[in-house]
Amino acid sequence: MGASTYHLRPPGGGDEWSAPADGTTLRPVPAQATYVTPMRRDAVYDHRAQQSALPVLVHYDDGGAAESLLVLTPDQVELYAIQFERLISQREQAQGNAA
């Protein structure tokens, strides 16, 4: 392997590998999702599919973002409703203690 070969290594180090210099085997690496935030739109329930959909914004490590949907079953909606009730209660308690 000589000048017609790329010698590559993962960011931060690691095992090196080679690829043809013409780039035929190279593919762009997609940006990684870092977090998701809800959008200021109403969630909807589809009774035929028996699922809910919450509009969300997926944020990527390259600074980009894309709109998507968080799709939940009825059981998941109930589970998260319980968890959100608990979070709201904890927040209210913390605010009461801070006053």
C-alpha atoms as a PDB file:
ATOM      1  CA  MET A   1       0.000   0.000   0.000  1.00  0.00           C
ATOM      2  CA  GLY A   2       1.447   3.309  -1.030  1.00  0.00           C
ATOM      3  CA  ALA A   3       0.413   6.741  -2.254  1.00  0.00           C
ATOM      4  CA  SER A   4      -2.834   5.371  -3.694  1.00  0.00           C
ATOM      5  CA  THR A   5      -4.075   4.479  -0.215  1.00  0.00           C
ATOM      6  CA  TYR A   6      -5.508   6.491   2.680  1.00  0.00           C
ATOM      7  CA  HIS A   7      -4.308   5.480   6.129  1.00  0.00           C
ATOM      8  CA  LEU A   8      -7.117   6.168   8.586  1.00  0.00           C
ATOM      9  CA  ARG A   9      -7.521   6.108  12.357  1.00  0.00           C
ATOM     10  CA  PRO A  10     -10.607   6.825  14.514  1.00  0.00           C
ATOM     11  CA  PRO A  11     -10.743  10.247  16.228  1.00  0.00           C
ATOM     12  CA  GLY A  12      -8.932  10.011  19.536  1.00  0.00           C
ATOM     13  CA  GLY A  13      -6.765   7.105  18.398  1.00  0.00           C
ATOM     14  CA  GLY A  14      -7.279   3.444  17.809  1.00  0.00           C
ATOM     15  CA  ASP A  15      -6.471   0.825  15.212  1.00  0.00           C
ATOM     16  CA  GLU A  16      -5.419   2.197  11.841  1.00  0.00           C
ATOM     17  CA  TRP A  17      -6.913   0.897   8.600  1.00  0.00           C
ATOM     18  CA  SER A  18      -6.430   1.605   4.918  1.00  0.00           C
ATOM     19  CA  ALA A  19      -8.774   2.588   2.103  1.00  0.00           C
ATOM     20  CA  PRO A  20      -8.231   3.283  -1.614  1.00  0.00           C
ATOM     21  CA  ALA A  21      -7.277   6.917  -2.276  1.00  0.00           C
ATOM     22  CA  ASP A  22      -9.998   7.280  -4.911  1.00  0.00           C
ATOM     23  CA  GLY A  23     -12.549   7.375  -2.075  1.00  0.00           C
ATOM     24  CA  THR A  24     -14.716   4.594  -3.482  1.00  0.00           C
ATOM     25  CA  THR A  25     -15.032   2.904  -0.087  1.00  0.00           C
ATOM     26  CA  LEU A  26     -15.372   6.077   1.969  1.00  0.00           C
ATOM     27  CA  ARG A  27     -18.793   7.158   3.150  1.00  0.00           C
ATOM     28  CA  PRO A  28     -19.743  10.260   5.096  1.00  0.00           C
ATOM     29  CA  VAL A  29     -20.247   9.683   8.792  1.00  0.00           C
ATOM     30  CA  PRO A  30     -23.667  10.973   9.855  1.00  0.00           C
ATOM     31  CA  ALA A  31     -23.830  13.410  12.749  1.00  0.00           C
ATOM     32  CA  GLN A  32     -24.811  11.768  16.020  1.00  0.00           C
ATOM     33  CA  ALA A  33     -28.013  12.765  17.805  1.00  0.00           C
ATOM     34  CA  THR A  34     -27.184  14.382  21.150  1.00  0.00           C
ATOM     35  CA  TYR A  35     -30.626  15.147  22.609  1.00  0.00           C
ATOM     36  CA  VAL A  36     -34.310  15.605  21.752  1.00  0.00           C
ATOM     37  CA  THR A  37     -36.622  18.453  22.798  1.00  0.00           C
ATOM     38  CA  PRO A  38     -40.408  18.657  22.501  1.00  0.00           C
ATOM     39  CA  MET A  39     -41.741  21.192  20.019  1.00  0.00           C
ATOM     40  CA  ARG A  40     -44.436  23.695  20.932  1.00  0.00           C
ATOM     41  CA  ARG A  41     -47.132  21.774  19.109  1.00  0.00           C
ATOM     42  CA  ASP A  42     -49.941  19.622  20.404  1.00  0.00           C
ATOM     43  CA  ALA A  43     -49.521  15.895  20.726  1.00  0.00           C
ATOM     44  CA  VAL A  44     -52.114  13.901  18.810  1.00  0.00           C
ATOM     45  CA  TYR A  45     -53.782  10.547  19.394  1.00  0.00           C
ATOM     46  CA  ASP A  46     -54.494   8.267  16.435  1.00  0.00           C
ATOM     47  CA  HIS A  47     -57.316   5.966  17.568  1.00  0.00           C
ATOM     48  CA  ARG A  48     -56.894   3.680  14.546  1.00  0.00           C
ATOM     49  CA  ALA A  49     -53.200   3.068  15.258  1.00  0.00           C
ATOM     50  CA  GLN A  50     -53.810   3.289  19.014  1.00  0.00           C
ATOM     51  CA  GLN A  51     -50.771   5.481  19.505  1.00  0.00           C
ATOM     52  CA  SER A  52     -49.894   9.049  20.344  1.00  0.00           C
ATOM     53  CA  ALA A  53     -47.416  11.261  18.539  1.00  0.00           C
ATOM     54  CA  LEU A  54     -45.519  14.163  20.072  1.00  0.00           C
ATOM     55  CA  PRO A  55     -43.626  16.497  17.706  1.00  0.00           C
ATOM     56  CA  VAL A  56     -39.963  16.731  18.745  1.00  0.00           C
ATOM     57  CA  LEU A  57     -36.760  18.350  17.540  1.00  0.00           C
ATOM     58  CA  VAL A  58     -33.713  16.054  17.327  1.00  0.00           C
ATOM     59  CA  HIS A  59     -30.434  17.933  17.915  1.00  0.00           C
ATOM     60  CA  TYR A  60     -27.141  16.711  16.424  1.00  0.00           C
ATOM     61  CA  ASP A  61     -23.534  17.118  17.519  1.00  0.00           C
ATOM     62  CA  ASP A  62     -22.747  19.134  14.389  1.00  0.00           C
ATOM     63  CA  GLY A  63     -25.271  21.821  15.431  1.00  0.00           C
ATOM     64  CA  GLY A  64     -27.996  20.649  13.062  1.00  0.00           C
ATOM     65  CA  ALA A  65     -31.525  19.714  14.047  1.00  0.00           C
ATOM     66  CA  ALA A  66     -34.408  17.825  12.462  1.00  0.00           C
ATOM     67  CA  GLU A  67     -38.116  17.619  13.230  1.00  0.00           C
ATOM     68  CA  SER A  68     -39.451  14.185  14.085  1.00  0.00           C
ATOM     69  CA  LEU A  69     -42.177  12.447  16.077  1.00  0.00           C
ATOM     70  CA  LEU A  70     -42.011  10.606  19.379  1.00  0.00           C
ATOM     71  CA  VAL A  71     -44.558   7.805  18.945  1.00  0.00           C
ATOM     72  CA  LEU A  72     -45.961   6.303  22.143  1.00  0.00           C
ATOM     73  CA  THR A  73     -48.304   3.438  22.928  1.00  0.00           C
ATOM     74  CA  PRO A  74     -51.139   4.054  25.417  1.00  0.00           C
ATOM     75  CA  ASP A  75     -49.151   2.184  28.100  1.00  0.00           C
ATOM     76  CA  GLN A  76     -46.146   4.426  27.498  1.00  0.00           C
ATOM     77  CA  VAL A  77     -48.337   7.542  27.733  1.00  0.00           C
ATOM     78  CA  GLU A  78     -49.666   6.350  31.101  1.00  0.00           C
ATOM     79  CA  LEU A  79     -46.163   5.531  32.356  1.00  0.00           C
ATOM     80  CA  TYR A  80     -44.808   8.961  31.370  1.00  0.00           C
ATOM     81  CA  ALA A  81     -47.877  10.708  32.820  1.00  0.00           C
ATOM     82  CA  ILE A  82     -47.058   9.101  36.185  1.00  0.00           C
ATOM     83  CA  GLN A  83     -43.396  10.059  35.862  1.00  0.00           C
ATOM     84  CA  PHE A  84     -44.243  13.658  34.899  1.00  0.00           C
ATOM     85  CA  GLU A  85     -46.625  13.946  37.865  1.00  0.00           C
ATOM     86  CA  ARG A  86     -43.754  12.874  40.109  1.00  0.00           C
ATOM     87  CA  LEU A  87     -41.374  15.369  38.465  1.00  0.00           C
ATOM     88  CA  ILE A  88     -43.899  18.195  38.874  1.00  0.00           C
ATOM     89  CA  SER A  89     -44.332  17.297  42.536  1.00  0.00           C
ATOM     90  CA  GLN A  90     -40.564  17.230  43.088  1.00  0.00           C
ATOM     91  CA  ARG A  91     -40.198  20.619  41.391  1.00  0.00           C
ATOM     92  CA  GLU A  92     -42.967  22.114  43.530  1.00  0.00           C
ATOM     93  CA  GLN A  93     -41.349  20.737  46.690  1.00  0.00           C
ATOM     94  CA  ALA A  94     -37.966  22.142  45.663  1.00  0.00           C
ATOM     95  CA  GLN A  95     -39.523  25.556  44.966  1.00  0.00           C
ATOM     96  CA  GLY A  96     -41.251  25.471  48.382  1.00  0.00           C
ATOM     97  CA  ASN A  97     -37.949  24.657  50.093  1.00  0.00           C
ATOM     98  CA  ALA A  98     -36.150  27.452  48.236  1.00  0.00           C
ATOM     99  CA  ALA A  99     -38.659  30.098  49.365  1.00  0.00           C
END
